[in-house]
Amino acid sequence: MFLTKKPCRVPRVLDIVDCPAYNHEHQILYYPKFCDPLYYPELYPEIFATVDTVKQWLEFSLASHVTVCGVCLAVSSCFISHIKFSVSWGEHGYLISSYVDGKFQQCVLSLEELHLK
């Protein structure tokens, strides 16, 4: 396995419909927000298997976030089709590039920031 993901410790609040009943078996497919890979990495070993699978997951998550986030939609609703993300593996972590309305930005997401080891 390429990476071992530590559980995320960032607090979050979900709507009740996004949470399974306490202490009852459930399928993760029915609760995708609750069973997010950041919070339950042990449920998604295939995501953290290789550099490329983490890269694909990050790219998909960034692209889909823009289409479902109320804040992003409000700020950039007319630019949604112009937002592009790409992720590449670099010496110090993942290099995330974004292109929004003619502006290019980059940042590095380290393994520590992802709580990976």
PDB file of N, CA and C in Angstrom:
ATOM      1  N   MET A   1       0.841  -1.179   0.000  1.00  0.00           N
ATOM      2  CA  MET A   1       0.000   0.000   0.000  1.00  0.00           C
ATOM      3  C   MET A   1       0.885   1.240   0.000  1.00  0.00           C
ATOM      4  N   PHE A   2       0.591   2.178  -0.884  1.00  0.00           N
ATOM      5  CA  PHE A   2       1.378   3.399  -1.028  1.00  0.00           C
ATOM      6  C   PHE A   2       1.315   4.275   0.222  1.00  0.00           C
ATOM      7  N   LEU A   3       0.120   4.500   0.749  1.00  0.00           N
ATOM      8  CA  LEU A   3      -0.070   5.388   1.895  1.00  0.00           C
ATOM      9  C   LEU A   3      -0.967   4.750   2.939  1.00  0.00           C
ATOM     10  N   THR A   4      -0.753   5.152   4.167  1.00  0.00           N
ATOM     11  CA  THR A   4      -1.669   4.791   5.230  1.00  0.00           C
ATOM     12  C   THR A   4      -2.326   6.078   5.683  1.00  0.00           C
ATOM     13  N   LYS A   5      -3.628   6.151   5.571  1.00  0.00           N
ATOM     14  CA  LYS A   5      -4.368   7.367   5.900  1.00  0.00           C
ATOM     15  C   LYS A   5      -4.734   7.355   7.367  1.00  0.00           C
ATOM     16  N   LYS A   6      -4.370   8.413   8.088  1.00  0.00           N
ATOM     17  CA  LYS A   6      -4.817   8.586   9.470  1.00  0.00           C
ATOM     18  C   LYS A   6      -6.192   9.220   9.434  1.00  0.00           C
ATOM     19  N   PRO A   7      -7.074   8.848  10.352  1.00  0.00           N
ATOM     20  CA  PRO A   7      -8.403   9.472  10.355  1.00  0.00           C
ATOM     21  C   PRO A   7      -8.311  10.987  10.529  1.00  0.00           C
ATOM     22  N   CYS A   8      -9.157  11.698   9.811  1.00  0.00           N
ATOM     23  CA  CYS A   8      -9.209  13.153   9.916  1.00  0.00           C
ATOM     24  C   CYS A   8      -9.787  13.529  11.272  1.00  0.00           C
ATOM     25  N   ARG A   9      -9.239  14.565  11.885  1.00  0.00           N
ATOM     26  CA  ARG A   9      -9.719  14.995  13.193  1.00  0.00           C
ATOM     27  C   ARG A   9     -10.432  16.349  13.140  1.00  0.00           C
ATOM     28  N   VAL A  10     -10.732  16.804  11.938  1.00  0.00           N
ATOM     29  CA  VAL A  10     -11.419  18.081  11.773  1.00  0.00           C
ATOM     30  C   VAL A  10     -12.907  17.866  12.054  1.00  0.00           C
ATOM     31  N   PRO A  11     -13.497  18.662  12.966  1.00  0.00           N
ATOM     32  CA  PRO A  11     -14.921  18.468  13.254  1.00  0.00           C
ATOM     33  C   PRO A  11     -15.792  18.879  12.068  1.00  0.00           C
ATOM     34  N   ARG A  12     -16.948  18.261  11.982  1.00  0.00           N
ATOM     35  CA  ARG A  12     -17.882  18.602  10.925  1.00  0.00           C
ATOM     36  C   ARG A  12     -19.301  18.342  11.421  1.00  0.00           C
ATOM     37  N   VAL A  13     -20.241  18.988  10.800  1.00  0.00           N
ATOM     38  CA  VAL A  13     -21.644  18.811  11.147  1.00  0.00           C
ATOM     39  C   VAL A  13     -22.390  18.433   9.879  1.00  0.00           C
ATOM     40  N   LEU A  14     -23.130  17.329   9.951  1.00  0.00           N
ATOM     41  CA  LEU A  14     -23.895  16.859   8.809  1.00  0.00           C
ATOM     42  C   LEU A  14     -25.384  16.948   9.111  1.00  0.00           C
ATOM     43  N   ASP A  15     -26.158  17.041   8.077  1.00  0.00           N
ATOM     44  CA  ASP A  15     -27.605  16.972   8.204  1.00  0.00           C
ATOM     45  C   ASP A  15     -27.977  15.560   8.658  1.00  0.00           C
ATOM     46  N   ILE A  16     -29.044  15.424   9.416  1.00  0.00           N
ATOM     47  CA  ILE A  16     -29.446  14.127   9.960  1.00  0.00           C
ATOM     48  C   ILE A  16     -29.677  13.076   8.873  1.00  0.00           C
ATOM     49  N   VAL A  17     -30.144  13.494   7.705  1.00  0.00           N
ATOM     50  CA  VAL A  17     -30.390  12.523   6.631  1.00  0.00           C
ATOM     51  C   VAL A  17     -29.094  11.960   6.048  1.00  0.00           C
ATOM     52  N   ASP A  18     -27.976  12.621   6.323  1.00  0.00           N
ATOM     53  CA  ASP A  18     -26.685  12.158   5.830  1.00  0.00           C
ATOM     54  C   ASP A  18     -25.995  11.188   6.780  1.00  0.00           C
ATOM     55  N   CYS A  19     -26.617  10.925   7.931  1.00  0.00           N
ATOM     56  CA  CYS A  19     -26.009  10.070   8.945  1.00  0.00           C
ATOM     57  C   CYS A  19     -26.795   8.776   9.125  1.00  0.00           C
ATOM     58  N   PRO A  20     -26.096   7.647   9.211  1.00  0.00           N
ATOM     59  CA  PRO A  20     -26.789   6.386   9.468  1.00  0.00           C
ATOM     60  C   PRO A  20     -27.272   6.331  10.918  1.00  0.00           C
ATOM     61  N   ALA A  21     -28.252   5.492  11.180  1.00  0.00           N
ATOM     62  CA  ALA A  21     -28.730   5.318  12.550  1.00  0.00           C
ATOM     63  C   ALA A  21     -27.590   4.789  13.415  1.00  0.00           C
ATOM     64  N   TYR A  22     -27.513   5.277  14.634  1.00  0.00           N
ATOM     65  CA  TYR A  22     -26.436   4.898  15.535  1.00  0.00           C
ATOM     66  C   TYR A  22     -26.493   3.403  15.856  1.00  0.00           C
ATOM     67  N   ASN A  23     -25.350   2.762  15.781  1.00  0.00           N
ATOM     68  CA  ASN A  23     -25.182   1.373  16.174  1.00  0.00           C
ATOM     69  C   ASN A  23     -25.971   0.378  15.319  1.00  0.00           C
ATOM     70  N   HIS A  24     -26.282   0.752  14.082  1.00  0.00           N
ATOM     71  CA  HIS A  24     -26.961  -0.151  13.161  1.00  0.00           C
ATOM     72  C   HIS A  24     -26.068  -0.337  11.934  1.00  0.00           C
ATOM     73  N   GLU A  25     -26.082  -1.536  11.410  1.00  0.00           N
ATOM     74  CA  GLU A  25     -25.309  -1.775  10.197  1.00  0.00           C
ATOM     75  C   GLU A  25     -25.884  -0.950   9.049  1.00  0.00           C
ATOM     76  N   HIS A  26     -25.004  -0.492   8.197  1.00  0.00           N
ATOM     77  CA  HIS A  26     -25.431   0.278   7.029  1.00  0.00           C
ATOM     78  C   HIS A  26     -24.406   0.104   5.921  1.00  0.00           C
ATOM     79  N   GLN A  27     -24.814   0.412   4.724  1.00  0.00           N
ATOM     80  CA  GLN A  27     -23.903   0.352   3.591  1.00  0.00           C
ATOM     81  C   GLN A  27     -23.364   1.754   3.324  1.00  0.00           C
ATOM     82  N   ILE A  28     -22.056   1.834   3.115  1.00  0.00           N
ATOM     83  CA  ILE A  28     -21.444   3.149   2.936  1.00  0.00           C
ATOM     84  C   ILE A  28     -21.962   3.867   1.704  1.00  0.00           C
ATOM     85  N   LEU A  29     -22.435   3.126   0.721  1.00  0.00           N
ATOM     86  CA  LEU A  29     -22.965   3.764  -0.488  1.00  0.00           C
ATOM     87  C   LEU A  29     -24.182   4.639  -0.194  1.00  0.00           C
ATOM     88  N   TYR A  30     -24.925   4.310   0.857  1.00  0.00           N
ATOM     89  CA  TYR A  30     -26.127   5.073   1.195  1.00  0.00           C
ATOM     90  C   TYR A  30     -25.811   6.338   2.001  1.00  0.00           C
ATOM     91  N   TYR A  31     -24.603   6.439   2.532  1.00  0.00           N
ATOM     92  CA  TYR A  31     -24.221   7.593   3.349  1.00  0.00           C
ATOM     93  C   TYR A  31     -22.861   8.144   2.921  1.00  0.00           C
ATOM     94  N   PRO A  32     -22.755   8.621   1.681  1.00  0.00           N
ATOM     95  CA  PRO A  32     -21.444   9.043   1.169  1.00  0.00           C
ATOM     96  C   PRO A  32     -20.844  10.233   1.917  1.00  0.00           C
ATOM     97  N   LYS A  33     -21.666  11.142   2.412  1.00  0.00           N
ATOM     98  CA  LYS A  33     -21.116  12.283   3.152  1.00  0.00           C
ATOM     99  C   LYS A  33     -20.575  11.845   4.508  1.00  0.00           C
ATOM    100  N   PHE A  34     -21.273  10.945   5.159  1.00  0.00           N
ATOM    101  CA  PHE A  34     -20.852  10.456   6.470  1.00  0.00           C
ATOM    102  C   PHE A  34     -19.598   9.602   6.350  1.00  0.00           C
ATOM    103  N   CYS A  35     -19.571   8.738   5.371  1.00  0.00           N
ATOM    104  CA  CYS A  35     -18.467   7.782   5.189  1.00  0.00           C
ATOM    105  C   CYS A  35     -17.414   8.312   4.233  1.00  0.00           C
ATOM    106  N   ASP A  36     -17.080   9.569   4.353  1.00  0.00           N
ATOM    107  CA  ASP A  36     -16.094  10.220   3.502  1.00  0.00           C
ATOM    108  C   ASP A  36     -14.706   9.619   3.739  1.00  0.00           C
ATOM    109  N   PRO A  37     -13.910   9.441   2.699  1.00  0.00           N
ATOM    110  CA  PRO A  37     -12.562   8.880   2.862  1.00  0.00           C
ATOM    111  C   PRO A  37     -11.673   9.668   3.830  1.00  0.00           C
ATOM    112  N   LEU A  38     -11.877  10.968   3.955  1.00  0.00           N
ATOM    113  CA  LEU A  38     -11.077  11.730   4.907  1.00  0.00           C
ATOM    114  C   LEU A  38     -11.348  11.315   6.345  1.00  0.00           C
ATOM    115  N   TYR A  39     -12.578  10.916   6.633  1.00  0.00           N
ATOM    116  CA  TYR A  39     -12.964  10.569   7.990  1.00  0.00           C
ATOM    117  C   TYR A  39     -12.899   9.070   8.258  1.00  0.00           C
ATOM    118  N   TYR A  40     -13.093   8.259   7.237  1.00  0.00           N
ATOM    119  CA  TYR A  40     -13.065   6.808   7.382  1.00  0.00           C
ATOM    120  C   TYR A  40     -12.155   6.183   6.327  1.00  0.00           C
ATOM    121  N   PRO A  41     -10.872   6.462   6.418  1.00  0.00           N
ATOM    122  CA  PRO A  41      -9.947   5.952   5.398  1.00  0.00           C
ATOM    123  C   PRO A  41      -9.891   4.427   5.350  1.00  0.00           C
ATOM    124  N   GLU A  42     -10.171   3.767   6.456  1.00  0.00           N
ATOM    125  CA  GLU A  42     -10.119   2.307   6.470  1.00  0.00           C
ATOM    126  C   GLU A  42     -11.186   1.682   5.570  1.00  0.00           C
ATOM    127  N   LEU A  43     -12.223   2.435   5.222  1.00  0.00           N
ATOM    128  CA  LEU A  43     -13.260   1.938   4.324  1.00  0.00           C
ATOM    129  C   LEU A  43     -12.868   2.071   2.851  1.00  0.00           C
ATOM    130  N   TYR A  44     -11.786   2.790   2.574  1.00  0.00           N
ATOM    131  CA  TYR A  44     -11.376   3.084   1.199  1.00  0.00           C
ATOM    132  C   TYR A  44      -9.899   2.790   0.960  1.00  0.00           C
ATOM    133  N   PRO A  45      -9.431   1.596   1.242  1.00  0.00           N
ATOM    134  CA  PRO A  45      -7.994   1.329   1.037  1.00  0.00           C
ATOM    135  C   PRO A  45      -7.566   1.497  -0.414  1.00  0.00           C
ATOM    136  N   GLU A  46      -8.493   1.308  -1.356  1.00  0.00           N
ATOM    137  CA  GLU A  46      -8.149   1.439  -2.776  1.00  0.00           C
ATOM    138  C   GLU A  46      -7.788   2.878  -3.139  1.00  0.00           C
ATOM    139  N   ILE A  47      -8.316   3.861  -2.420  1.00  0.00           N
ATOM    140  CA  ILE A  47      -7.992   5.266  -2.711  1.00  0.00           C
ATOM    141  C   ILE A  47      -6.551   5.568  -2.365  1.00  0.00           C
ATOM    142  N   PHE A  48      -6.055   5.001  -1.275  1.00  0.00           N
ATOM    143  CA  PHE A  48      -4.718   5.329  -0.789  1.00  0.00           C
ATOM    144  C   PHE A  48      -3.677   4.295  -1.183  1.00  0.00           C
ATOM    145  N   ALA A  49      -3.981   3.513  -2.203  1.00  0.00           N
ATOM    146  CA  ALA A  49      -3.091   2.431  -2.628  1.00  0.00           C
ATOM    147  C   ALA A  49      -1.868   2.929  -3.391  1.00  0.00           C
ATOM    148  N   THR A  50      -2.036   3.936  -4.237  1.00  0.00           N
ATOM    149  CA  THR A  50      -0.924   4.418  -5.068  1.00  0.00           C
ATOM    150  C   THR A  50      -0.970   5.942  -5.170  1.00  0.00           C
ATOM    151  N   VAL A  51       0.108   6.505  -5.663  1.00  0.00           N
ATOM    152  CA  VAL A  51       0.155   7.938  -5.925  1.00  0.00           C
ATOM    153  C   VAL A  51      -0.967   8.332  -6.881  1.00  0.00           C
ATOM    154  N   ASP A  52      -1.177   7.514  -7.894  1.00  0.00           N
ATOM    155  CA  ASP A  52      -2.174   7.833  -8.917  1.00  0.00           C
ATOM    156  C   ASP A  52      -3.606   7.750  -8.392  1.00  0.00           C
ATOM    157  N   THR A  53      -3.910   6.789  -7.528  1.00  0.00           N
ATOM    158  CA  THR A  53      -5.281   6.694  -7.011  1.00  0.00           C
ATOM    159  C   THR A  53      -5.611   7.865  -6.093  1.00  0.00           C
ATOM    160  N   VAL A  54      -4.638   8.333  -5.326  1.00  0.00           N
ATOM    161  CA  VAL A  54      -4.863   9.524  -4.492  1.00  0.00           C
ATOM    162  C   VAL A  54      -5.059  10.741  -5.387  1.00  0.00           C
ATOM    163  N   LYS A  55      -4.252  10.859  -6.424  1.00  0.00           N
ATOM    164  CA  LYS A  55      -4.357  11.962  -7.390  1.00  0.00           C
ATOM    165  C   LYS A  55      -5.734  11.982  -8.040  1.00  0.00           C
ATOM    166  N   GLN A  56      -6.201  10.831  -8.493  1.00  0.00           N
ATOM    167  CA  GLN A  56      -7.516  10.759  -9.127  1.00  0.00           C
ATOM    168  C   GLN A  56      -8.622  11.141  -8.147  1.00  0.00           C
ATOM    169  N   TRP A  57      -8.512  10.681  -6.917  1.00  0.00           N
ATOM    170  CA  TRP A  57      -9.505  10.997  -5.893  1.00  0.00           C
ATOM    171  C   TRP A  57      -9.527  12.506  -5.621  1.00  0.00           C
ATOM    172  N   LEU A  58      -8.350  13.110  -5.495  1.00  0.00           N
ATOM    173  CA  LEU A  58      -8.282  14.553  -5.259  1.00  0.00           C
ATOM    174  C   LEU A  58      -8.892  15.333  -6.421  1.00  0.00           C
ATOM    175  N   GLU A  59      -8.543  14.978  -7.644  1.00  0.00           N
ATOM    176  CA  GLU A  59      -9.095  15.672  -8.812  1.00  0.00           C
ATOM    177  C   GLU A  59     -10.612  15.551  -8.874  1.00  0.00           C
ATOM    178  N   PHE A  60     -11.118  14.341  -8.669  1.00  0.00           N
ATOM    179  CA  PHE A  60     -12.561  14.135  -8.704  1.00  0.00           C
ATOM    180  C   PHE A  60     -13.242  14.910  -7.583  1.00  0.00           C
ATOM    181  N   SER A  61     -12.677  14.876  -6.384  1.00  0.00           N
ATOM    182  CA  SER A  61     -13.271  15.573  -5.241  1.00  0.00           C
ATOM    183  C   SER A  61     -13.317  17.077  -5.455  1.00  0.00           C
ATOM    184  N   LEU A  62     -12.250  17.644  -5.989  1.00  0.00           N
ATOM    185  CA  LEU A  62     -12.224  19.080  -6.250  1.00  0.00           C
ATOM    186  C   LEU A  62     -13.247  19.463  -7.319  1.00  0.00           C
ATOM    187  N   ALA A  63     -13.289  18.697  -8.393  1.00  0.00           N
ATOM    188  CA  ALA A  63     -14.218  19.001  -9.477  1.00  0.00           C
ATOM    189  C   ALA A  63     -15.663  18.853  -9.024  1.00  0.00           C
ATOM    190  N   SER A  64     -15.967  17.818  -8.257  1.00  0.00           N
ATOM    191  CA  SER A  64     -17.351  17.621  -7.824  1.00  0.00           C
ATOM    192  C   SER A  64     -17.737  18.595  -6.717  1.00  0.00           C
ATOM    193  N   HIS A  65     -16.791  19.022  -5.911  1.00  0.00           N
ATOM    194  CA  HIS A  65     -17.081  19.984  -4.846  1.00  0.00           C
ATOM    195  C   HIS A  65     -17.675  21.277  -5.408  1.00  0.00           C
ATOM    196  N   VAL A  66     -17.093  21.747  -6.467  1.00  0.00           N
ATOM    197  CA  VAL A  66     -17.535  23.004  -7.076  1.00  0.00           C
ATOM    198  C   VAL A  66     -18.992  22.927  -7.523  1.00  0.00           C
ATOM    199  N   THR A  67     -19.445  21.744  -7.888  1.00  0.00           N
ATOM    200  CA  THR A  67     -20.817  21.607  -8.383  1.00  0.00           C
ATOM    201  C   THR A  67     -21.852  21.413  -7.278  1.00  0.00           C
ATOM    202  N   VAL A  68     -21.409  21.099  -6.056  1.00  0.00           N
ATOM    203  CA  VAL A  68     -22.369  20.852  -4.973  1.00  0.00           C
ATOM    204  C   VAL A  68     -22.272  21.818  -3.804  1.00  0.00           C
ATOM    205  N   CYS A  69     -21.195  22.553  -3.684  1.00  0.00           N
ATOM    206  CA  CYS A  69     -20.991  23.457  -2.554  1.00  0.00           C
ATOM    207  C   CYS A  69     -21.778  24.748  -2.750  1.00  0.00           C
ATOM    208  N   GLY A  70     -22.627  25.067  -1.804  1.00  0.00           N
ATOM    209  CA  GLY A  70     -23.427  26.283  -1.886  1.00  0.00           C
ATOM    210  C   GLY A  70     -22.584  27.544  -1.929  1.00  0.00           C
ATOM    211  N   VAL A  71     -21.517  27.590  -1.167  1.00  0.00           N
ATOM    212  CA  VAL A  71     -20.646  28.772  -1.142  1.00  0.00           C
ATOM    213  C   VAL A  71     -19.947  28.939  -2.487  1.00  0.00           C
ATOM    214  N   CYS A  72     -19.394  27.852  -3.011  1.00  0.00           N
ATOM    215  CA  CYS A  72     -18.717  27.936  -4.308  1.00  0.00           C
ATOM    216  C   CYS A  72     -19.689  28.297  -5.416  1.00  0.00           C
ATOM    217  N   LEU A  73     -20.887  27.739  -5.364  1.00  0.00           N
ATOM    218  CA  LEU A  73     -21.889  28.048  -6.383  1.00  0.00           C
ATOM    219  C   LEU A  73     -22.287  29.514  -6.335  1.00  0.00           C
ATOM    220  N   ALA A  74     -22.433  30.053  -5.130  1.00  0.00           N
ATOM    221  CA  ALA A  74     -22.836  31.452  -4.985  1.00  0.00           C
ATOM    222  C   ALA A  74     -21.746  32.397  -5.482  1.00  0.00           C
ATOM    223  N   VAL A  75     -20.505  32.062  -5.172  1.00  0.00           N
ATOM    224  CA  VAL A  75     -19.388  32.929  -5.550  1.00  0.00           C
ATOM    225  C   VAL A  75     -19.077  32.842  -7.032  1.00  0.00           C
ATOM    226  N   SER A  76     -19.160  31.627  -7.577  1.00  0.00           N
ATOM    227  CA  SER A  76     -18.673  31.454  -8.942  1.00  0.00           C
ATOM    228  C   SER A  76     -19.689  30.797  -9.869  1.00  0.00           C
ATOM    229  N   SER A  77     -20.963  31.023  -9.643  1.00  0.00           N
ATOM    230  CA  SER A  77     -21.977  30.323 -10.430  1.00  0.00           C
ATOM    231  C   SER A  77     -21.831  30.563 -11.926  1.00  0.00           C
ATOM    232  N   CYS A  78     -21.433  31.743 -12.316  1.00  0.00           N
ATOM    233  CA  CYS A  78     -21.292  31.994 -13.745  1.00  0.00           C
ATOM    234  C   CYS A  78     -19.966  31.474 -14.294  1.00  0.00           C
ATOM    235  N   PHE A  79     -19.071  31.049 -13.409  1.00  0.00           N
ATOM    236  CA  PHE A  79     -17.757  30.576 -13.856  1.00  0.00           C
ATOM    237  C   PHE A  79     -17.591  29.070 -13.732  1.00  0.00           C
ATOM    238  N   ILE A  80     -18.636  28.360 -13.289  1.00  0.00           N
ATOM    239  CA  ILE A  80     -18.522  26.918 -13.038  1.00  0.00           C
ATOM    240  C   ILE A  80     -17.891  26.179 -14.214  1.00  0.00           C
ATOM    241  N   SER A  81     -18.321  26.464 -15.407  1.00  0.00           N
ATOM    242  CA  SER A  81     -17.780  25.732 -16.552  1.00  0.00           C
ATOM    243  C   SER A  81     -16.340  26.129 -16.862  1.00  0.00           C
ATOM    244  N   HIS A  82     -15.860  27.205 -16.255  1.00  0.00           N
ATOM    245  CA  HIS A  82     -14.496  27.664 -16.521  1.00  0.00           C
ATOM    246  C   HIS A  82     -13.511  27.254 -15.436  1.00  0.00           C
ATOM    247  N   ILE A  83     -13.968  26.511 -14.415  1.00  0.00           N
ATOM    248  CA  ILE A  83     -13.091  26.079 -13.338  1.00  0.00           C
ATOM    249  C   ILE A  83     -12.483  24.731 -13.715  1.00  0.00           C
ATOM    250  N   LYS A  84     -11.164  24.677 -13.711  1.00  0.00           N
ATOM    251  CA  LYS A  84     -10.449  23.439 -14.035  1.00  0.00           C
ATOM    252  C   LYS A  84      -9.419  23.177 -12.940  1.00  0.00           C
ATOM    253  N   PHE A  85      -9.297  21.913 -12.551  1.00  0.00           N
ATOM    254  CA  PHE A  85      -8.304  21.509 -11.562  1.00  0.00           C
ATOM    255  C   PHE A  85      -7.425  20.428 -12.149  1.00  0.00           C
ATOM    256  N   SER A  86      -6.188  20.409 -11.716  1.00  0.00           N
ATOM    257  CA  SER A  86      -5.318  19.278 -12.035  1.00  0.00           C
ATOM    258  C   SER A  86      -4.440  19.022 -10.813  1.00  0.00           C
ATOM    259  N   VAL A  87      -4.085  17.775 -10.638  1.00  0.00           N
ATOM    260  CA  VAL A  87      -3.282  17.367  -9.491  1.00  0.00           C
ATOM    261  C   VAL A  87      -2.110  16.552 -10.010  1.00  0.00           C
ATOM    262  N   SER A  88      -0.927  16.843  -9.493  1.00  0.00           N
ATOM    263  CA  SER A  88       0.246  16.054  -9.858  1.00  0.00           C
ATOM    264  C   SER A  88       1.068  15.791  -8.603  1.00  0.00           C
ATOM    265  N   TRP A  89       1.814  14.715  -8.636  1.00  0.00           N
ATOM    266  CA  TRP A  89       2.664  14.336  -7.513  1.00  0.00           C
ATOM    267  C   TRP A  89       3.998  15.046  -7.651  1.00  0.00           C
ATOM    268  N   GLY A  90       4.429  15.703  -6.594  1.00  0.00           N
ATOM    269  CA  GLY A  90       5.701  16.403  -6.612  1.00  0.00           C
ATOM    270  C   GLY A  90       6.605  15.947  -5.483  1.00  0.00           C
ATOM    271  N   GLU A  91       7.710  16.596  -5.367  1.00  0.00           N
ATOM    272  CA  GLU A  91       8.713  16.230  -4.369  1.00  0.00           C
ATOM    273  C   GLU A  91       8.195  16.397  -2.939  1.00  0.00           C
ATOM    274  N   HIS A  92       7.353  17.392  -2.706  1.00  0.00           N
ATOM    275  CA  HIS A  92       6.892  17.706  -1.350  1.00  0.00           C
ATOM    276  C   HIS A  92       5.423  17.390  -1.123  1.00  0.00           C
ATOM    277  N   GLY A  93       4.778  16.722  -2.052  1.00  0.00           N
ATOM    278  CA  GLY A  93       3.368  16.387  -1.909  1.00  0.00           C
ATOM    279  C   GLY A  93       2.653  16.535  -3.238  1.00  0.00           C
ATOM    280  N   TYR A  94       1.371  16.774  -3.165  1.00  0.00           N
ATOM    281  CA  TYR A  94       0.562  16.936  -4.374  1.00  0.00           C
ATOM    282  C   TYR A  94       0.500  18.406  -4.766  1.00  0.00           C
ATOM    283  N   LEU A  95       0.796  18.672  -6.016  1.00  0.00           N
ATOM    284  CA  LEU A  95       0.710  20.022  -6.551  1.00  0.00           C
ATOM    285  C   LEU A  95      -0.670  20.168  -7.180  1.00  0.00           C
ATOM    286  N   ILE A  96      -1.474  21.049  -6.615  1.00  0.00           N
ATOM    287  CA  ILE A  96      -2.835  21.258  -7.107  1.00  0.00           C
ATOM    288  C   ILE A  96      -2.867  22.565  -7.873  1.00  0.00           C
ATOM    289  N   SER A  97      -3.294  22.486  -9.098  1.00  0.00           N
ATOM    290  CA  SER A  97      -3.382  23.660  -9.963  1.00  0.00           C
ATOM    291  C   SER A  97      -4.845  23.933 -10.268  1.00  0.00           C
ATOM    292  N   SER A  98      -5.195  25.213 -10.247  1.00  0.00           N
ATOM    293  CA  SER A  98      -6.565  25.583 -10.606  1.00  0.00           C
ATOM    294  C   SER A  98      -6.523  26.706 -11.632  1.00  0.00           C
ATOM    295  N   TYR A  99      -7.491  26.656 -12.501  1.00  0.00           N
ATOM    296  CA  TYR A  99      -7.642  27.681 -13.521  1.00  0.00           C
ATOM    297  C   TYR A  99      -9.088  28.163 -13.439  1.00  0.00           C
ATOM    298  N   VAL A 100      -9.260  29.392 -12.967  1.00  0.00           N
ATOM    299  CA  VAL A 100     -10.600  29.938 -12.780  1.00  0.00           C
ATOM    300  C   VAL A 100     -10.679  31.289 -13.472  1.00  0.00           C
ATOM    301  N   ASP A 101     -11.542  31.369 -14.460  1.00  0.00           N
ATOM    302  CA  ASP A 101     -11.795  32.629 -15.155  1.00  0.00           C
ATOM    303  C   ASP A 101     -10.502  33.328 -15.577  1.00  0.00           C
ATOM    304  N   GLY A 102      -9.606  32.582 -16.191  1.00  0.00           N
ATOM    305  CA  GLY A 102      -8.378  33.162 -16.702  1.00  0.00           C
ATOM    306  C   GLY A 102      -7.273  33.320 -15.681  1.00  0.00           C
ATOM    307  N   LYS A 103      -7.506  32.930 -14.434  1.00  0.00           N
ATOM    308  CA  LYS A 103      -6.484  33.047 -13.391  1.00  0.00           C
ATOM    309  C   LYS A 103      -5.969  31.663 -13.029  1.00  0.00           C
ATOM    310  N   PHE A 104      -4.651  31.546 -12.987  1.00  0.00           N
ATOM    311  CA  PHE A 104      -3.998  30.287 -12.688  1.00  0.00           C
ATOM    312  C   PHE A 104      -3.400  30.364 -11.293  1.00  0.00           C
ATOM    313  N   GLN A 105      -3.694  29.361 -10.450  1.00  0.00           N
ATOM    314  CA  GLN A 105      -3.132  29.316  -9.104  1.00  0.00           C
ATOM    315  C   GLN A 105      -2.647  27.908  -8.810  1.00  0.00           C
ATOM    316  N   GLN A 106      -1.659  27.822  -7.928  1.00  0.00           N
ATOM    317  CA  GLN A 106      -1.145  26.523  -7.519  1.00  0.00           C
ATOM    318  C   GLN A 106      -0.914  26.509  -6.014  1.00  0.00           C
ATOM    319  N   CYS A 107      -1.037  25.325  -5.442  1.00  0.00           N
ATOM    320  CA  CYS A 107      -0.668  25.139  -4.045  1.00  0.00           C
ATOM    321  C   CYS A 107      -0.175  23.706  -3.881  1.00  0.00           C
ATOM    322  N   VAL A 108       0.586  23.490  -2.827  1.00  0.00           N
ATOM    323  CA  VAL A 108       1.082  22.152  -2.522  1.00  0.00           C
ATOM    324  C   VAL A 108       0.296  21.625  -1.339  1.00  0.00           C
ATOM    325  N   LEU A 109      -0.196  20.404  -1.474  1.00  0.00           N
ATOM    326  CA  LEU A 109      -0.900  19.717  -0.402  1.00  0.00           C
ATOM    327  C   LEU A 109       0.020  18.599   0.067  1.00  0.00           C
ATOM    328  N   SER A 110       0.576  18.776   1.251  1.00  0.00           N
ATOM    329  CA  SER A 110       1.541  17.796   1.755  1.00  0.00           C
ATOM    330  C   SER A 110       0.822  16.573   2.311  1.00  0.00           C
ATOM    331  N   LEU A 111       1.570  15.508   2.488  1.00  0.00           N
ATOM    332  CA  LEU A 111       0.997  14.297   3.074  1.00  0.00           C
ATOM    333  C   LEU A 111       0.551  14.557   4.505  1.00  0.00           C
ATOM    334  N   GLU A 112       1.239  15.411   5.215  1.00  0.00           N
ATOM    335  CA  GLU A 112       0.856  15.744   6.584  1.00  0.00           C
ATOM    336  C   GLU A 112      -0.498  16.456   6.612  1.00  0.00           C
ATOM    337  N   GLU A 113      -0.723  17.333   5.634  1.00  0.00           N
ATOM    338  CA  GLU A 113      -2.002  18.042   5.569  1.00  0.00           C
ATOM    339  C   GLU A 113      -3.155  17.110   5.259  1.00  0.00           C
ATOM    340  N   LEU A 114      -2.873  16.039   4.543  1.00  0.00           N
ATOM    341  CA  LEU A 114      -3.883  15.024   4.274  1.00  0.00           C
ATOM    342  C   LEU A 114      -3.980  14.011   5.405  1.00  0.00           C
ATOM    343  N   HIS A 115      -3.132  14.187   6.409  1.00  0.00           N
ATOM    344  CA  HIS A 115      -3.024  13.242   7.523  1.00  0.00           C
ATOM    345  C   HIS A 115      -2.628  11.860   7.025  1.00  0.00           C
ATOM    346  N   LEU A 116      -1.715  11.841   6.077  1.00  0.00           N
ATOM    347  CA  LEU A 116      -1.206  10.580   5.533  1.00  0.00           C
ATOM    348  C   LEU A 116       0.190  10.355   6.097  1.00  0.00           C
ATOM    349  N   LYS A 117       0.578   9.116   6.160  1.00  0.00           N
ATOM    350  CA  LYS A 117       1.953   8.831   6.557  1.00  0.00           C
ATOM    351  C   LYS A 117       2.534   7.752   5.701  1.00  0.00           C
TER     352      LYS A 117
END
